[in-house]
Amino acid sequence: METWGSWTFHKENERLLSEVLNKFETDQSNLDSSRKAVLSSLAANSKTRVEISSSSTDDSDVDNDFNAVLTCMPKNCTVENEEPIFKTDETIVHTDFDTFDGESSFLSQRQQPSKQNHENITKVIIELLNNGNCCNLQELCSLLTTEQKNRKDVSEIIRNIWPELVTDKARHGLCELLVKTNVRPHIICEQIYTPWLKICESNLTGFIESLSKLIIHFPEYACKCFIVKLLNDKDSILVKHIDWLVEIMKSLDQQNWCNLLNEYMKSCDSLGQHEIMVLLHLVKNCQKSLDENEAKKLVLLCRNAVHEHSANREFALFLTAVIGAVDITKFRPEMTTICAQLKGASKFLIMKALKDAK
């Protein structure tokens, strides 16, 4: 198809119209001034001229089409005291598509990625992750970044991808992608690690390995928000398998352990059995690194719980860990008072710990 002006015509129609306009240039004797103005504007604003071929048609065809244009011209078309229907060089009429609201809306919609495109990119990401192609992080990051820009909602992308991942390696690959594309930690933890932990049952290996590798990228959030939330739930799998906590935190320093302990103590108004077991593991990894305020909170918890747990062996082990974590020169009197309230083997265990403490 050829083009005429800013519009598109069928090739045959455009040829006839061009021939009419060309004929008009040489034959204007039968036109009044108003029709001359209109057809002159048409010719002047034509952006494309199709040359008349000597073999394309005879003069009778052109005459018929030319007369047809004149017949269709409105009889009452005047130019006196009126704006011309088609403006000439000074004020050319704009017919570009971008000035037409309906067309502009249509074009903007066409520029938006289709649902099919989203599905295709998502399928590629899922396939690469499930096939273990996580080593090609550059390609995966590029695909995920494109989806983030297109959808503006990374949570939607996760909802589409996460249920389709079938291995722990694939799940870790998604977490690693999210970290590398600067997705916020709370989204990664709440929308990946939390549901992942729920399906682990007793097999925590993949979850633990993944979190321990990536926690270094968001240690503060992990310690003050995510892990402490898991530890506060006595039915959490992590609480039931508390020994795994050391593996999760292995890449972090003692200050992060102290942060986790301090955050956990905020929810400990009293000590039940599961709180004692959690605190035991937290305190054991804060050896001599607690500041004075943290140590005071810890000793206060011990003093308030000693009557209830006076014969509890796990509580005695917890007290032993506390003695090793605080500056005993400052807290020996309090710990001695607590020890006096213990019974049986627990009492002798703490007496020995206090004797050995320096």
Protein backbone atom coordinates (compact mmCIF):
# COMPACT_ATOMS: atom_id res chain seq x y z
CA MET A 1 0.00 0.00 0.00
CA GLU A 2 1.17 3.54 -0.81
CA THR A 3 0.62 6.52 1.44
CA TRP A 4 -1.06 9.83 0.82
CA GLY A 5 -0.83 12.61 3.38
CA SER A 6 -0.96 11.06 6.87
CA TRP A 7 -3.53 8.45 5.84
CA THR A 8 -3.29 5.04 4.21
CA PHE A 9 -5.27 4.13 1.08
CA HIS A 10 -5.71 1.06 -1.00
CA LYS A 11 -3.27 1.25 -3.91
CA GLU A 12 -6.01 1.44 -6.57
CA ASN A 13 -7.97 4.16 -4.76
CA GLU A 14 -4.86 6.23 -4.19
CA ARG A 15 -3.90 6.03 -7.83
CA LEU A 16 -7.30 7.38 -8.86
CA LEU A 17 -7.25 10.12 -6.25
CA SER A 18 -3.74 11.19 -7.26
CA GLU A 19 -4.79 11.33 -10.89
CA VAL A 20 -7.77 13.50 -9.97
CA LEU A 21 -5.53 15.93 -8.07
CA ASN A 22 -3.01 16.08 -10.90
CA LYS A 23 -5.74 16.76 -13.40
CA PHE A 24 -7.07 19.48 -11.15
CA GLU A 25 -3.75 21.33 -11.43
CA THR A 26 -4.29 21.80 -15.17
CA ASP A 27 -8.08 22.20 -15.25
CA GLN A 28 -9.70 24.59 -12.75
CA SER A 29 -11.90 26.51 -15.17
CA ASN A 30 -15.19 25.04 -13.92
CA LEU A 31 -14.55 25.55 -10.19
CA ASP A 32 -15.81 28.34 -8.00
CA SER A 33 -13.46 29.92 -5.44
CA SER A 34 -14.57 27.78 -2.45
CA ARG A 35 -13.91 24.50 -4.24
CA LYS A 36 -10.57 25.77 -5.50
CA ALA A 37 -9.60 26.51 -1.89
CA VAL A 38 -10.46 23.04 -0.70
CA LEU A 39 -8.77 21.13 -3.52
CA SER A 40 -5.74 23.42 -3.42
CA SER A 41 -5.33 22.60 0.25
CA LEU A 42 -5.60 18.92 -0.49
CA ALA A 43 -2.89 19.11 -3.09
CA ALA A 44 -0.67 21.35 -0.95
CA ASN A 45 -0.89 19.06 2.09
CA SER A 46 -0.33 15.85 0.18
CA LYS A 47 2.92 14.31 1.44
CA THR A 48 3.21 11.67 -1.24
CA ARG A 49 2.61 12.06 -4.96
CA VAL A 50 2.06 9.02 -7.11
CA GLU A 51 3.07 9.75 -10.70
CA ILE A 52 0.46 9.01 -13.36
CA SER A 53 1.58 6.25 -15.65
CA SER A 54 0.65 6.66 -19.29
CA SER A 55 -0.56 3.09 -19.33
CA SER A 56 -2.41 3.11 -16.01
CA THR A 57 -5.76 4.47 -17.19
CA ASP A 58 -7.29 6.60 -19.92
CA ASP A 59 -8.51 10.20 -19.60
CA SER A 60 -12.12 9.19 -19.37
CA ASP A 61 -11.49 7.35 -16.11
CA VAL A 62 -9.75 10.37 -14.68
CA ASP A 63 -12.50 12.69 -15.84
CA ASN A 64 -15.14 10.51 -14.22
CA ASP A 65 -13.25 10.45 -10.91
CA PHE A 66 -12.56 14.18 -11.11
CA ASN A 67 -16.23 14.92 -11.70
CA ALA A 68 -17.11 12.59 -8.86
CA VAL A 69 -15.00 14.69 -6.48
CA LEU A 70 -16.74 17.86 -7.65
CA THR A 71 -20.15 16.24 -7.22
CA CYS A 72 -19.32 15.28 -3.62
CA MET A 73 -18.21 18.82 -2.75
CA PRO A 74 -20.77 20.57 -0.56
CA LYS A 75 -22.82 23.13 -2.50
CA ASN A 76 -22.82 25.66 0.32
CA CYS A 77 -19.05 25.61 0.91
CA THR A 78 -17.87 29.22 1.17
CA VAL A 79 -14.69 30.92 2.26
CA GLU A 80 -16.05 34.30 3.17
CA ASN A 81 -15.64 35.12 6.88
CA GLU A 82 -14.91 31.47 7.60
CA GLU A 83 -11.88 29.46 8.49
CA PRO A 84 -10.83 27.23 5.61
CA ILE A 85 -11.81 23.61 6.03
CA PHE A 86 -8.21 22.59 5.38
CA LYS A 87 -5.65 25.15 6.48
CA THR A 88 -2.70 26.01 4.28
CA ASP A 89 0.99 26.48 5.06
CA GLU A 90 0.50 29.01 7.88
CA THR A 91 -1.62 26.67 10.00
CA ILE A 92 -1.39 23.13 8.71
CA VAL A 93 -4.02 20.76 10.04
CA HIS A 94 -2.57 18.03 12.24
CA THR A 95 -3.74 14.52 11.53
CA ASP A 96 -0.92 12.59 13.21
CA PHE A 97 -2.13 9.61 15.22
CA ASP A 98 -0.49 10.81 18.42
CA THR A 99 -2.94 13.76 18.60
CA PHE A 100 -5.99 11.53 18.35
CA ASP A 101 -7.06 10.45 21.81
CA GLY A 102 -8.58 7.16 20.81
CA GLU A 103 -5.64 6.16 18.66
CA SER A 104 -3.15 7.34 21.27
CA SER A 105 -4.86 5.18 23.86
CA PHE A 106 -4.78 2.25 21.48
CA LEU A 107 -1.08 2.68 20.77
CA SER A 108 -0.22 2.98 24.46
CA GLN A 109 -2.08 -0.25 25.10
CA ARG A 110 -0.22 -1.95 22.30
CA GLN A 111 3.06 -0.87 23.89
CA GLN A 112 2.17 -2.63 27.13
CA PRO A 113 3.58 -6.17 27.46
CA SER A 114 0.87 -8.74 26.88
CA LYS A 115 -0.19 -11.35 29.38
CA GLN A 116 1.27 -13.93 27.04
CA ASN A 117 4.67 -12.21 27.19
CA HIS A 118 4.56 -12.29 31.00
CA GLU A 119 3.70 -15.98 30.97
CA ASN A 120 6.49 -16.75 28.52
CA ILE A 121 9.18 -14.98 30.56
CA THR A 122 7.90 -16.59 33.76
CA LYS A 123 8.01 -20.04 32.15
CA VAL A 124 11.59 -19.48 31.04
CA ILE A 125 12.65 -18.47 34.58
CA ILE A 126 10.88 -21.49 36.08
CA GLU A 127 12.42 -23.85 33.54
CA LEU A 128 15.95 -22.52 34.10
CA LEU A 129 15.59 -22.77 37.88
CA ASN A 130 14.09 -26.26 37.84
CA ASN A 131 16.73 -27.49 35.42
CA GLY A 132 19.45 -26.36 37.78
CA ASN A 133 20.73 -23.63 35.46
CA CYS A 134 21.17 -21.21 38.34
CA CYS A 135 24.79 -20.78 37.35
CA ASN A 136 23.63 -18.59 34.48
CA LEU A 137 22.73 -15.82 36.89
CA GLN A 138 23.28 -13.04 34.39
CA GLU A 139 20.53 -14.33 32.10
CA LEU A 140 18.18 -15.05 34.98
CA CYS A 141 18.80 -11.62 36.52
CA SER A 142 18.08 -9.99 33.17
CA LEU A 143 14.79 -11.88 32.80
CA LEU A 144 13.70 -11.12 36.37
CA THR A 145 14.65 -7.44 36.05
CA THR A 146 12.58 -7.19 32.87
CA GLU A 147 9.58 -8.70 34.63
CA GLN A 148 9.99 -6.35 37.59
CA LYS A 149 9.98 -3.33 35.28
CA ASN A 150 6.98 -4.58 33.33
CA ARG A 151 4.77 -5.69 36.20
CA LYS A 152 5.80 -3.19 38.91
CA ASP A 153 4.90 -5.88 41.48
CA VAL A 154 7.57 -8.38 42.45
CA SER A 155 5.12 -10.14 44.77
CA GLU A 156 3.01 -11.13 41.77
CA ILE A 157 6.10 -12.56 40.05
CA ILE A 158 6.94 -14.60 43.16
CA ARG A 159 3.36 -15.93 43.36
CA ASN A 160 3.65 -17.11 39.77
CA ILE A 161 7.08 -18.72 40.13
CA TRP A 162 7.28 -20.11 43.67
CA PRO A 163 4.60 -22.88 43.45
CA GLU A 164 6.24 -24.24 40.28
CA LEU A 165 9.68 -24.81 41.81
CA VAL A 166 10.23 -28.47 42.61
CA THR A 167 13.66 -28.62 44.29
CA ASP A 168 15.42 -26.86 47.13
CA LYS A 169 18.15 -25.86 44.68
CA ALA A 170 15.56 -24.10 42.51
CA ARG A 171 14.06 -22.36 45.55
CA HIS A 172 17.48 -21.15 46.63
CA GLY A 173 18.12 -19.97 43.08
CA LEU A 174 15.01 -17.78 43.22
CA CYS A 175 16.10 -16.32 46.58
CA GLU A 176 19.54 -15.58 45.19
CA LEU A 177 17.99 -13.87 42.16
CA LEU A 178 15.80 -11.70 44.38
CA VAL A 179 18.82 -10.67 46.47
CA LYS A 180 20.88 -9.81 43.39
CA THR A 181 18.05 -7.71 41.93
CA ASN A 182 17.77 -5.74 45.21
CA VAL A 183 14.37 -7.01 46.28
CA ARG A 184 13.66 -5.94 49.87
CA PRO A 185 14.53 -8.50 52.58
CA HIS A 186 11.05 -8.65 54.07
CA ILE A 187 9.62 -9.77 50.71
CA ILE A 188 12.23 -12.52 50.38
CA CYS A 189 11.71 -13.72 53.94
CA GLU A 190 7.94 -13.47 54.13
CA GLN A 191 7.11 -14.71 50.64
CA ILE A 192 9.85 -17.32 50.11
CA TYR A 193 11.50 -18.45 53.33
CA THR A 194 8.37 -18.53 55.48
CA PRO A 195 6.34 -20.78 53.13
CA TRP A 196 9.47 -22.81 52.40
CA LEU A 197 9.96 -23.56 56.10
CA LYS A 198 6.35 -24.75 56.35
CA ILE A 199 6.86 -27.45 53.73
CA CYS A 200 10.20 -28.64 55.14
CA GLU A 201 8.74 -30.93 57.82
CA SER A 202 11.83 -32.59 59.31
CA ASN A 203 14.07 -32.06 56.27
CA LEU A 204 15.47 -28.59 56.87
CA THR A 205 18.73 -29.04 54.98
CA GLY A 206 17.87 -27.06 51.82
CA PHE A 207 16.18 -24.25 53.75
CA ILE A 208 19.06 -23.96 56.23
CA GLU A 209 21.76 -23.97 53.57
CA SER A 210 19.97 -21.30 51.55
CA LEU A 211 19.26 -18.96 54.45
CA SER A 212 22.77 -19.35 55.88
CA LYS A 213 24.28 -18.33 52.52
CA LEU A 214 22.06 -15.29 51.96
CA ILE A 215 21.55 -14.01 55.51
CA ILE A 216 24.80 -12.07 55.23
CA HIS A 217 23.03 -9.73 52.80
CA PHE A 218 20.34 -8.76 55.35
CA PRO A 219 21.65 -9.68 58.85
CA GLU A 220 19.90 -6.90 60.74
CA TYR A 221 16.47 -7.64 59.28
CA ALA A 222 16.98 -11.39 59.75
CA CYS A 223 17.95 -11.08 63.41
CA LYS A 224 15.52 -8.38 64.49
CA CYS A 225 12.48 -9.42 62.45
CA PHE A 226 12.53 -12.72 60.62
CA ILE A 227 14.37 -15.24 62.81
CA VAL A 228 13.05 -13.83 66.06
CA LYS A 229 9.52 -14.22 64.68
CA LEU A 230 10.19 -17.89 64.01
CA LEU A 231 11.69 -18.39 67.46
CA ASN A 232 8.67 -16.79 69.14
CA ASP A 233 6.41 -19.46 67.67
CA LYS A 234 6.74 -22.52 69.89
CA ASP A 235 5.29 -24.69 67.12
CA SER A 236 7.84 -23.49 64.58
CA ILE A 237 9.93 -26.20 62.96
CA LEU A 238 13.01 -24.11 63.74
CA VAL A 239 12.16 -24.21 67.47
CA LYS A 240 11.68 -27.97 67.32
CA HIS A 241 15.07 -28.29 65.62
CA ILE A 242 16.80 -25.45 67.45
CA ASP A 243 20.30 -26.85 66.84
CA TRP A 244 19.98 -25.69 63.22
CA LEU A 245 20.08 -22.08 64.43
CA VAL A 246 23.86 -22.24 64.76
CA GLU A 247 24.14 -23.33 61.12
CA ILE A 248 21.91 -20.47 59.98
CA MET A 249 23.97 -17.89 61.88
CA LYS A 250 27.40 -19.32 61.09
CA SER A 251 28.35 -16.50 58.69
CA LEU A 252 27.47 -13.75 61.20
CA ASP A 253 29.49 -12.38 64.10
CA GLN A 254 28.65 -12.34 67.81
CA GLN A 255 27.11 -8.89 67.62
CA ASN A 256 24.36 -10.33 65.45
CA TRP A 257 23.80 -13.05 68.03
CA CYS A 258 23.50 -10.33 70.69
CA ASN A 259 21.01 -8.43 68.55
CA LEU A 260 18.94 -11.59 68.15
CA LEU A 261 19.06 -12.31 71.89
CA ASN A 262 18.10 -8.76 72.81
CA GLU A 263 15.17 -8.80 70.39
CA TYR A 264 14.00 -12.19 71.65
CA MET A 265 14.10 -11.11 75.31
CA LYS A 266 11.61 -8.32 74.53
CA SER A 267 8.86 -10.93 74.17
CA CYS A 268 9.88 -12.99 77.22
CA ASP A 269 7.69 -11.83 80.10
CA SER A 270 7.99 -15.30 81.58
CA LEU A 271 9.97 -18.39 80.68
CA GLY A 272 8.30 -21.53 79.43
CA GLN A 273 10.16 -24.65 78.39
CA HIS A 274 10.53 -23.60 74.76
CA GLU A 275 11.82 -20.12 75.72
CA ILE A 276 14.44 -21.73 77.96
CA MET A 277 15.71 -23.92 75.11
CA VAL A 278 15.87 -20.98 72.69
CA LEU A 279 17.61 -18.71 75.20
CA LEU A 280 20.12 -21.45 75.98
CA HIS A 281 21.25 -21.53 72.34
CA LEU A 282 21.26 -17.76 71.99
CA VAL A 283 23.24 -17.09 75.16
CA LYS A 284 25.82 -19.81 74.45
CA ASN A 285 26.78 -17.87 71.32
CA CYS A 286 27.10 -14.51 73.10
CA GLN A 287 30.01 -15.46 75.35
CA LYS A 288 31.39 -12.36 77.13
CA SER A 289 30.00 -10.06 74.44
CA LEU A 290 26.81 -8.82 76.12
CA ASP A 291 26.77 -5.21 77.21
CA GLU A 292 25.70 -4.33 80.75
CA ASN A 293 22.07 -3.53 79.89
CA GLU A 294 21.61 -6.81 78.01
CA ALA A 295 23.22 -8.68 80.90
CA LYS A 296 20.85 -7.04 83.40
CA LYS A 297 17.80 -8.09 81.37
CA LEU A 298 19.09 -11.63 81.19
CA VAL A 299 19.80 -11.92 84.92
CA LEU A 300 16.36 -10.46 85.69
CA LEU A 301 14.71 -13.13 83.55
CA CYS A 302 16.61 -15.79 85.47
CA ARG A 303 15.62 -14.37 88.85
CA ASN A 304 11.92 -14.19 87.90
CA ALA A 305 11.86 -17.78 86.58
CA VAL A 306 13.97 -19.57 89.19
CA HIS A 307 11.11 -20.51 91.52
CA GLU A 308 9.11 -22.20 88.74
CA HIS A 309 12.12 -24.03 87.29
CA SER A 310 14.18 -24.74 90.43
CA ALA A 311 14.58 -28.43 89.59
CA ASN A 312 14.62 -28.07 85.78
CA ARG A 313 17.87 -29.38 84.31
CA GLU A 314 17.49 -27.32 81.07
CA PHE A 315 17.01 -24.19 83.19
CA ALA A 316 20.22 -25.02 85.08
CA LEU A 317 22.05 -25.38 81.75
CA PHE A 318 20.65 -22.00 80.75
CA LEU A 319 21.96 -20.44 83.98
CA THR A 320 25.38 -21.93 83.29
CA ALA A 321 25.36 -20.25 79.86
CA VAL A 322 24.36 -16.94 81.46
CA ILE A 323 27.28 -17.15 83.90
CA GLY A 324 29.61 -17.62 80.95
CA ALA A 325 28.11 -14.74 78.94
CA VAL A 326 27.99 -11.92 81.49
CA ASP A 327 30.72 -10.15 83.40
CA ILE A 328 30.46 -12.32 86.50
CA THR A 329 32.40 -9.83 88.63
CA LYS A 330 29.39 -7.53 88.37
CA PHE A 331 26.64 -10.15 88.69
CA ARG A 332 28.06 -12.75 91.08
CA PRO A 333 25.83 -11.69 94.01
CA GLU A 334 22.63 -11.98 91.91
CA MET A 335 23.64 -15.35 90.44
CA THR A 336 24.56 -16.67 93.90
CA THR A 337 21.09 -15.72 95.18
CA ILE A 338 19.48 -17.48 92.23
CA CYS A 339 21.62 -20.58 92.82
CA ALA A 340 20.43 -20.77 96.44
CA GLN A 341 16.85 -21.32 95.26
CA LEU A 342 17.69 -24.28 93.03
CA LYS A 343 17.16 -27.90 94.04
CA GLY A 344 18.97 -31.16 93.53
CA ALA A 345 21.51 -31.58 90.76
CA SER A 346 20.69 -28.18 89.30
CA LYS A 347 21.98 -26.46 92.41
CA PHE A 348 25.31 -28.27 92.39
CA LEU A 349 25.72 -27.59 88.66
CA ILE A 350 25.39 -23.81 89.16
CA MET A 351 27.57 -23.77 92.26
CA LYS A 352 30.38 -25.35 90.21
CA ALA A 353 29.86 -22.88 87.34
CA LEU A 354 30.11 -19.93 89.74
CA LYS A 355 33.25 -21.38 91.30
CA ASP A 356 34.94 -21.82 87.92
CA ALA A 357 33.84 -18.43 86.54
CA LYS A 358 36.45 -15.67 86.41
